[in-house]
Protein backbone atom coordinates (compact mmCIF):
# COMPACT_ATOMS: atom_id res chain seq x y z
CA MET A 1 -201.43 90.47 80.43
CA ARG A 2 -203.02 88.65 77.51
CA HIS A 3 -204.90 90.51 74.82
CA LEU A 4 -208.60 89.81 74.82
CA LEU A 5 -208.90 90.26 71.06
CA THR A 6 -206.98 88.03 68.70
CA ARG A 7 -205.63 89.27 65.39
CA PRO A 8 -208.55 87.81 63.37
CA ALA A 9 -211.08 89.41 65.72
CA VAL A 10 -209.41 92.81 65.33
CA LEU A 11 -209.45 92.41 61.54
CA ALA A 12 -213.13 91.46 61.58
CA VAL A 13 -214.07 94.47 63.70
CA ALA A 14 -212.05 96.81 61.45
CA ALA A 15 -213.67 95.37 58.30
CA ALA A 16 -217.16 95.72 59.78
CA LEU A 17 -216.52 99.35 60.73
CA ALA A 18 -215.14 100.15 57.28
CA LEU A 19 -218.12 98.57 55.55
CA SER A 20 -220.70 100.25 57.77
CA ALA A 21 -219.17 103.67 57.12
CA CYS A 22 -219.81 103.50 53.38
CA ALA A 23 -222.93 101.33 53.30
CA THR A 24 -225.66 103.93 52.80
CA ALA A 25 -228.31 103.98 50.11
CA THR A 26 -228.04 106.46 47.26
CA PRO A 27 -229.79 109.62 48.44
CA TYR A 28 -232.33 111.43 46.27
CA GLN A 29 -229.98 113.67 44.31
CA PRO A 30 -228.90 114.48 40.75
CA ALA A 31 -226.62 111.89 39.14
CA GLY A 32 -222.97 112.64 39.89
CA PHE A 33 -223.83 115.03 42.77
CA GLN A 34 -220.71 115.58 44.93
CA GLY A 35 -218.93 112.84 42.99
CA GLN A 36 -221.35 110.17 44.16
CA ARG A 37 -222.41 107.32 41.92
CA GLY A 38 -226.12 107.10 41.22
CA GLY A 39 -228.98 109.54 41.41
CA TYR A 40 -231.57 110.90 38.99
CA ALA A 41 -231.22 112.18 35.45
CA GLU A 42 -233.70 113.46 32.90
CA GLN A 43 -233.81 114.44 29.26
CA ARG A 44 -236.53 116.57 27.68
CA LEU A 45 -237.92 114.87 24.58
CA GLU A 46 -240.81 117.24 23.75
CA SER A 47 -242.43 120.18 25.53
CA ASN A 48 -244.52 117.79 27.69
CA ARG A 49 -242.41 114.60 27.50
CA TYR A 50 -239.26 113.53 29.39
CA ARG A 51 -237.13 110.45 29.80
CA VAL A 52 -236.36 110.10 33.53
CA SER A 53 -234.06 107.63 35.29
CA PHE A 54 -232.73 106.89 38.76
CA ALA A 55 -229.76 104.62 39.54
CA GLY A 56 -229.04 103.29 43.02
CA ASN A 57 -225.98 101.72 44.57
CA SER A 58 -225.65 98.21 46.02
CA VAL A 59 -227.59 99.04 49.20
CA THR A 60 -230.41 101.00 47.55
CA THR A 61 -233.54 98.86 47.40
CA ARG A 62 -235.69 98.45 44.33
CA GLU A 63 -238.52 100.28 46.12
CA GLN A 64 -236.27 103.29 46.86
CA VAL A 65 -235.15 103.44 43.22
CA GLU A 66 -238.73 103.30 41.90
CA MET A 67 -239.99 105.88 44.40
CA SER A 68 -237.13 108.22 43.44
CA LEU A 69 -238.07 107.87 39.77
CA LEU A 70 -241.69 108.79 40.53
CA LEU A 71 -240.67 111.72 42.72
CA ARG A 72 -238.39 113.18 40.07
CA SER A 73 -241.15 112.77 37.47
CA ALA A 74 -243.59 114.60 39.74
CA GLU A 75 -241.10 117.42 40.41
CA LEU A 76 -240.52 117.93 36.68
CA THR A 77 -244.28 117.97 36.07
CA VAL A 78 -244.91 120.71 38.66
CA GLN A 79 -241.77 122.62 37.61
CA ASP A 80 -243.05 122.79 34.00
CA GLY A 81 -246.55 123.93 35.08
CA TYR A 82 -248.41 120.64 34.60
CA ASP A 83 -250.69 118.79 37.04
CA TRP A 84 -250.27 115.10 36.27
CA PHE A 85 -247.95 112.73 34.45
CA SER A 86 -248.34 109.31 32.92
CA THR A 87 -245.51 106.78 32.66
CA VAL A 88 -244.77 105.18 29.32
CA ASN A 89 -242.21 102.38 28.78
CA ARG A 90 -241.38 102.13 32.49
CA ALA A 91 -238.74 99.57 33.43
CA THR A 92 -236.56 98.61 36.38
CA ASP A 93 -233.30 96.85 35.62
CA ARG A 94 -231.39 94.71 38.10
CA ASP A 95 -227.63 94.35 37.73
CA VAL A 96 -226.32 91.35 39.68
CA ARG A 97 -222.66 90.71 40.38
CA TYR A 98 -220.98 88.21 42.63
CA ASN A 99 -217.96 89.11 44.72
CA ALA A 100 -215.83 86.25 46.02
CA THR A 101 -213.26 87.07 48.66
CA PRO A 102 -210.96 84.63 50.40
CA ASP A 103 -211.96 83.81 53.95
CA PRO A 104 -209.82 86.16 56.09
CA PHE A 105 -209.58 83.55 58.85
CA TYR A 106 -208.51 80.67 56.57
CA TYR A 107 -204.78 80.76 57.30
CA GLU A 108 -205.29 81.57 60.97
CA ARG A 109 -207.60 78.59 61.32
CA TYR A 110 -205.23 76.15 59.61
CA ARG A 111 -201.89 77.58 60.68
CA TYR A 112 -201.21 74.62 62.97
CA TRP A 113 -203.16 72.04 61.01
CA SER A 114 -201.19 68.88 60.43
CA PRO A 115 -203.07 66.10 58.72
CA TYR A 116 -202.11 62.46 59.03
CA TRP A 117 -202.23 62.02 55.27
CA GLN A 118 -200.43 63.54 52.35
CA VAL A 119 -202.16 65.30 49.50
CA TYR A 120 -201.17 65.32 45.84
CA HIS A 121 -201.52 68.99 44.87
CA ARG A 122 -200.32 70.62 41.61
CA GLY A 123 -197.92 67.85 40.76
CA LEU A 124 -196.37 67.58 44.22
CA TRP A 125 -196.98 65.48 47.29
CA SER A 126 -197.42 67.77 50.26
CA PRO A 127 -198.33 67.11 53.88
CA TRP A 128 -199.40 70.74 54.32
CA SER A 129 -202.02 71.22 51.60
CA ASP A 130 -205.63 71.58 52.64
CA PRO A 131 -207.46 68.66 50.97
CA PHE A 132 -210.70 70.68 50.84
CA GLY A 133 -209.32 73.80 49.14
CA ARG A 134 -209.49 77.37 50.27
CA ASP A 135 -212.68 78.88 51.72
CA PHE A 136 -214.31 81.83 49.94
CA ASP A 137 -217.05 84.18 51.09
CA VAL A 138 -219.39 84.92 48.17
CA ARG A 139 -221.61 88.01 48.25
CA GLU A 140 -224.33 88.87 45.77
CA ILE A 141 -224.36 92.56 44.83
CA ASP A 142 -227.58 93.96 43.37
CA ARG A 143 -227.94 97.39 41.80
CA TYR A 144 -231.23 98.75 40.49
CA GLU A 145 -231.91 101.38 37.88
CA ALA A 146 -235.41 102.52 36.97
CA SER A 147 -236.31 104.50 33.87
CA ALA A 148 -239.49 105.79 32.30
CA GLU A 149 -240.71 108.04 29.59
CA ILE A 150 -243.32 110.39 31.02
CA VAL A 151 -246.03 112.48 29.36
CA MET A 152 -247.36 115.45 31.34
CA GLY A 153 -250.82 117.01 31.25
CA ARG A 154 -252.96 119.74 32.82
CA GLY A 155 -256.22 119.47 34.74
CA ALA A 156 -257.53 116.31 36.38
CA LYS A 157 -255.52 113.16 35.74
CA PRO A 158 -257.19 110.70 33.36
CA ALA A 159 -259.32 108.29 35.39
CA ASP A 160 -258.96 105.50 32.85
CA ASP A 161 -255.11 105.53 32.82
CA PRO A 162 -253.63 103.34 35.59
CA ASN A 163 -250.17 104.78 34.80
CA ALA A 164 -251.26 108.38 35.48
CA PHE A 165 -250.21 110.12 38.71
CA ASP A 166 -251.22 113.39 40.34
CA ALA A 167 -247.85 115.15 40.63
CA ARG A 168 -248.57 117.09 43.83
CA GLU A 169 -249.85 113.98 45.62
CA VAL A 170 -246.72 112.06 44.63
CA ILE A 171 -244.51 114.84 46.01
CA GLN A 172 -246.54 114.98 49.23
CA ASN A 173 -246.57 111.20 49.77
CA ILE A 174 -243.14 110.12 48.55
CA GLY A 175 -240.96 113.20 49.16
CA PRO A 176 -240.66 112.77 52.96
CA ARG A 177 -239.83 109.06 52.63
CA LEU A 178 -236.60 109.54 50.67
CA SER A 179 -233.28 110.60 52.16
CA ARG A 180 -231.53 113.67 50.76
CA PRO A 181 -227.78 114.38 50.65
CA ASN A 182 -226.30 116.10 53.69
């Protein structure tokens, strides 16, 4: 009986399963929690001022990173007994890398390839060299990190500050939208 799946198909299925197992966005968690890369961190600068950051992995969207930064800022504000916070020097950085991997089906595809011409390759004439070169799969990998300096205050948030947020409203609106570690 012939096998329905060829070797390349089995390799492709195994690679897809391996990638899907680890391809989850960084949950809302402290940086380094359970050995995971990414998460939030903060540093107190003054009694009512913090520097807050959130770093995501390659499948965490920019929106998730920015929402996590705002949620952590709101939690710190309420935790310290304040009502609102204002962001100062807020920035989101994008780290882009490119990963080139050889096409896993390249040799399988050309195993029986026999051209009618010879190719001069690396100082030698060879009838078996691929005249077009090896195929590569190139993948762009984006990672986002958001950071802000926040100033916290009591009472009603300033109406004239577009960077001011009511901490409890942020927690109520953003908190349920972010995934937490299991």
